[in-house]
Amino acid sequence: MSNFSLDLSQSELKIVLEALIEKEGKMSAICESSNDEDEMADIGNDLIELRLLLNPMKERAINKYGNSIVNFSSAPL
């Protein structure tokens, strides 16, 4: 397998993380609520792959930028 490298600024990384975390939540909700075994299997497999990408990325981002990198609240500080 070949690798793809990408350099992101902190604000760009935050956008990517927010999108991936939102996608993870939607996929997880489908898996929890669906009665269609084929759908659950397809979405579940994709969810595993998404988490294999997301979890290490999130961990590295938090280590570098702190927990605020995964705070997506739009409420004023």
N, C-alpha and C. Protein backbone atom coordinates (compact mmCIF):
# COMPACT_ATOMS: atom_id res chain seq x y z
N MET A 1 0.85 -1.17 0.00
CA MET A 1 0.00 0.00 0.00
C MET A 1 0.89 1.24 0.00
N SER A 2 0.54 2.23 -0.80
CA SER A 2 1.31 3.46 -0.82
C SER A 2 0.74 4.44 0.20
N ASN A 3 1.55 5.40 0.59
CA ASN A 3 1.14 6.40 1.58
C ASN A 3 0.89 7.73 0.91
N PHE A 4 0.06 8.52 1.54
CA PHE A 4 -0.28 9.87 1.09
C PHE A 4 -0.03 10.80 2.26
N SER A 5 0.87 11.74 2.10
CA SER A 5 1.18 12.68 3.18
C SER A 5 0.46 13.99 2.94
N LEU A 6 0.06 14.62 4.02
CA LEU A 6 -0.68 15.87 3.95
C LEU A 6 -0.31 16.73 5.14
N ASP A 7 0.09 17.95 4.90
CA ASP A 7 0.39 18.89 5.97
C ASP A 7 -0.81 19.81 6.16
N LEU A 8 -1.31 19.86 7.39
CA LEU A 8 -2.48 20.69 7.70
C LEU A 8 -2.14 21.68 8.79
N SER A 9 -2.70 22.88 8.67
CA SER A 9 -2.59 23.83 9.77
C SER A 9 -3.53 23.37 10.88
N GLN A 10 -3.40 23.98 12.05
CA GLN A 10 -4.26 23.60 13.17
C GLN A 10 -5.73 23.80 12.82
N SER A 11 -6.06 24.89 12.18
CA SER A 11 -7.47 25.16 11.84
C SER A 11 -7.98 24.18 10.79
N GLU A 12 -7.15 23.81 9.84
CA GLU A 12 -7.54 22.82 8.83
C GLU A 12 -7.76 21.45 9.47
N LEU A 13 -6.85 21.07 10.37
CA LEU A 13 -6.98 19.79 11.06
C LEU A 13 -8.26 19.74 11.87
N LYS A 14 -8.61 20.85 12.50
CA LYS A 14 -9.83 20.91 13.30
C LYS A 14 -11.06 20.67 12.41
N ILE A 15 -11.07 21.22 11.20
CA ILE A 15 -12.18 21.03 10.27
C ILE A 15 -12.28 19.56 9.86
N VAL A 16 -11.15 18.94 9.55
CA VAL A 16 -11.13 17.53 9.16
C VAL A 16 -11.61 16.65 10.31
N LEU A 17 -11.12 16.91 11.51
CA LEU A 17 -11.53 16.13 12.67
C LEU A 17 -13.03 16.27 12.93
N GLU A 18 -13.53 17.48 12.83
CA GLU A 18 -14.96 17.70 13.07
C GLU A 18 -15.80 16.90 12.06
N ALA A 19 -15.40 16.93 10.80
CA ALA A 19 -16.14 16.19 9.77
C ALA A 19 -16.08 14.69 10.01
N LEU A 20 -14.91 14.18 10.35
CA LEU A 20 -14.77 12.74 10.59
C LEU A 20 -15.55 12.29 11.82
N ILE A 21 -15.52 13.09 12.87
CA ILE A 21 -16.25 12.76 14.10
C ILE A 21 -17.75 12.81 13.85
N GLU A 22 -18.21 13.79 13.07
CA GLU A 22 -19.63 13.86 12.73
C GLU A 22 -20.04 12.64 11.90
N LYS A 23 -19.21 12.26 10.93
CA LYS A 23 -19.49 11.09 10.10
C LYS A 23 -19.52 9.83 10.96
N GLU A 24 -18.57 9.71 11.89
CA GLU A 24 -18.55 8.56 12.80
C GLU A 24 -19.85 8.46 13.58
N GLY A 25 -20.32 9.58 14.08
CA GLY A 25 -21.57 9.60 14.86
C GLY A 25 -22.76 9.15 14.03
N LYS A 26 -22.84 9.63 12.80
CA LYS A 26 -23.96 9.25 11.93
C LYS A 26 -23.91 7.77 11.58
N MET A 27 -22.72 7.27 11.28
CA MET A 27 -22.57 5.86 10.94
C MET A 27 -22.89 4.98 12.15
N SER A 28 -22.44 5.38 13.30
CA SER A 28 -22.71 4.63 14.53
C SER A 28 -24.20 4.59 14.81
N ALA A 29 -24.88 5.71 14.62
CA ALA A 29 -26.34 5.76 14.85
C ALA A 29 -27.07 4.82 13.90
N ILE A 30 -26.62 4.76 12.65
CA ILE A 30 -27.25 3.84 11.69
C ILE A 30 -27.06 2.41 12.15
N CYS A 31 -25.85 2.06 12.57
CA CYS A 31 -25.58 0.70 13.03
C CYS A 31 -26.43 0.33 14.24
N GLU A 32 -26.67 1.29 15.12
CA GLU A 32 -27.45 1.03 16.33
C GLU A 32 -28.94 0.95 16.07
N SER A 33 -29.42 1.62 15.02
CA SER A 33 -30.87 1.70 14.82
C SER A 33 -31.39 0.88 13.65
N SER A 34 -30.53 0.44 12.77
CA SER A 34 -30.98 -0.27 11.57
C SER A 34 -31.43 -1.70 11.88
N ASN A 35 -32.44 -2.12 11.17
CA ASN A 35 -32.90 -3.51 11.25
C ASN A 35 -32.42 -4.32 10.05
N ASP A 36 -31.74 -3.65 9.13
CA ASP A 36 -31.25 -4.28 7.90
C ASP A 36 -29.83 -4.81 8.15
N GLU A 37 -29.70 -6.12 8.20
CA GLU A 37 -28.40 -6.73 8.51
C GLU A 37 -27.33 -6.38 7.47
N ASP A 38 -27.72 -6.30 6.20
CA ASP A 38 -26.76 -5.95 5.16
C ASP A 38 -26.26 -4.52 5.33
N GLU A 39 -27.19 -3.62 5.62
CA GLU A 39 -26.82 -2.22 5.85
C GLU A 39 -25.89 -2.12 7.06
N MET A 40 -26.25 -2.81 8.12
CA MET A 40 -25.43 -2.77 9.34
C MET A 40 -24.02 -3.31 9.06
N ALA A 41 -23.93 -4.37 8.27
CA ALA A 41 -22.63 -4.94 7.95
C ALA A 41 -21.80 -3.98 7.10
N ASP A 42 -22.42 -3.39 6.08
CA ASP A 42 -21.71 -2.46 5.20
C ASP A 42 -21.25 -1.21 5.96
N ILE A 43 -22.18 -0.61 6.67
CA ILE A 43 -21.85 0.60 7.43
C ILE A 43 -20.86 0.25 8.55
N GLY A 44 -21.05 -0.89 9.20
CA GLY A 44 -20.15 -1.30 10.27
C GLY A 44 -18.72 -1.48 9.79
N ASN A 45 -18.54 -2.07 8.62
CA ASN A 45 -17.19 -2.23 8.06
C ASN A 45 -16.57 -0.88 7.75
N ASP A 46 -17.36 0.02 7.16
CA ASP A 46 -16.86 1.36 6.87
C ASP A 46 -16.53 2.12 8.15
N LEU A 47 -17.35 1.90 9.18
CA LEU A 47 -17.13 2.56 10.47
C LEU A 47 -15.81 2.11 11.09
N ILE A 48 -15.50 0.84 10.98
CA ILE A 48 -14.22 0.33 11.50
C ILE A 48 -13.07 1.02 10.79
N GLU A 49 -13.14 1.13 9.47
CA GLU A 49 -12.07 1.78 8.72
C GLU A 49 -11.96 3.25 9.07
N LEU A 50 -13.10 3.92 9.23
CA LEU A 50 -13.08 5.32 9.62
C LEU A 50 -12.40 5.50 10.97
N ARG A 51 -12.73 4.63 11.92
CA ARG A 51 -12.12 4.72 13.25
C ARG A 51 -10.62 4.43 13.23
N LEU A 52 -10.19 3.55 12.33
CA LEU A 52 -8.75 3.28 12.19
C LEU A 52 -8.01 4.52 11.70
N LEU A 53 -8.68 5.37 10.96
CA LEU A 53 -8.11 6.64 10.54
C LEU A 53 -8.26 7.70 11.63
N LEU A 54 -9.47 7.81 12.16
CA LEU A 54 -9.80 8.89 13.09
C LEU A 54 -9.08 8.80 14.43
N ASN A 55 -9.09 7.64 15.05
CA ASN A 55 -8.58 7.55 16.42
C ASN A 55 -7.11 7.96 16.56
N PRO A 56 -6.20 7.45 15.73
CA PRO A 56 -4.81 7.91 15.87
C PRO A 56 -4.63 9.38 15.49
N MET A 57 -5.41 9.84 14.51
CA MET A 57 -5.33 11.25 14.12
C MET A 57 -5.76 12.14 15.27
N LYS A 58 -6.87 11.77 15.90
CA LYS A 58 -7.39 12.53 17.02
C LYS A 58 -6.40 12.54 18.19
N GLU A 59 -5.83 11.38 18.48
CA GLU A 59 -4.86 11.28 19.57
C GLU A 59 -3.64 12.17 19.31
N ARG A 60 -3.12 12.11 18.11
CA ARG A 60 -1.95 12.94 17.77
C ARG A 60 -2.29 14.42 17.83
N ALA A 61 -3.49 14.77 17.36
CA ALA A 61 -3.91 16.17 17.38
C ALA A 61 -4.04 16.69 18.81
N ILE A 62 -4.63 15.89 19.69
CA ILE A 62 -4.78 16.29 21.09
C ILE A 62 -3.41 16.42 21.75
N ASN A 63 -2.52 15.48 21.47
CA ASN A 63 -1.17 15.55 22.04
C ASN A 63 -0.45 16.83 21.60
N LYS A 64 -0.66 17.25 20.38
CA LYS A 64 0.04 18.42 19.85
C LYS A 64 -0.64 19.74 20.23
N TYR A 65 -2.00 19.79 20.15
CA TYR A 65 -2.72 21.05 20.30
C TYR A 65 -3.59 21.12 21.56
N GLY A 66 -3.73 20.03 22.27
CA GLY A 66 -4.59 20.03 23.45
C GLY A 66 -6.02 19.67 23.10
N ASN A 67 -6.84 19.51 24.13
CA ASN A 67 -8.23 19.07 23.95
C ASN A 67 -9.08 20.06 23.17
N SER A 68 -8.66 21.31 23.08
CA SER A 68 -9.45 22.31 22.35
C SER A 68 -9.56 21.98 20.86
N ILE A 69 -8.65 21.16 20.35
CA ILE A 69 -8.68 20.79 18.93
C ILE A 69 -9.94 19.97 18.60
N VAL A 70 -10.52 19.33 19.59
CA VAL A 70 -11.75 18.55 19.36
C VAL A 70 -12.96 19.19 20.03
N ASN A 71 -12.85 20.46 20.37
CA ASN A 71 -13.99 21.22 20.88
C ASN A 71 -14.60 21.98 19.71
N PHE A 72 -15.75 21.50 19.24
CA PHE A 72 -16.35 22.07 18.04
C PHE A 72 -17.55 22.96 18.35
N SER A 73 -17.69 23.32 19.61
CA SER A 73 -18.81 24.16 20.02
C SER A 73 -18.72 25.51 19.32
N SER A 74 -19.87 26.01 18.90
CA SER A 74 -19.91 27.35 18.30
C SER A 74 -20.39 28.39 19.30
N ALA A 75 -20.55 27.97 20.55
CA ALA A 75 -20.98 28.90 21.60
C ALA A 75 -19.84 29.87 21.91
N PRO A 76 -20.17 31.13 22.14
CA PRO A 76 -19.13 32.08 22.48
C PRO A 76 -18.43 31.73 23.79
N LEU A 77 -17.14 32.03 23.84
CA LEU A 77 -16.36 31.72 25.05
C LEU A 77 -16.64 32.66 26.15
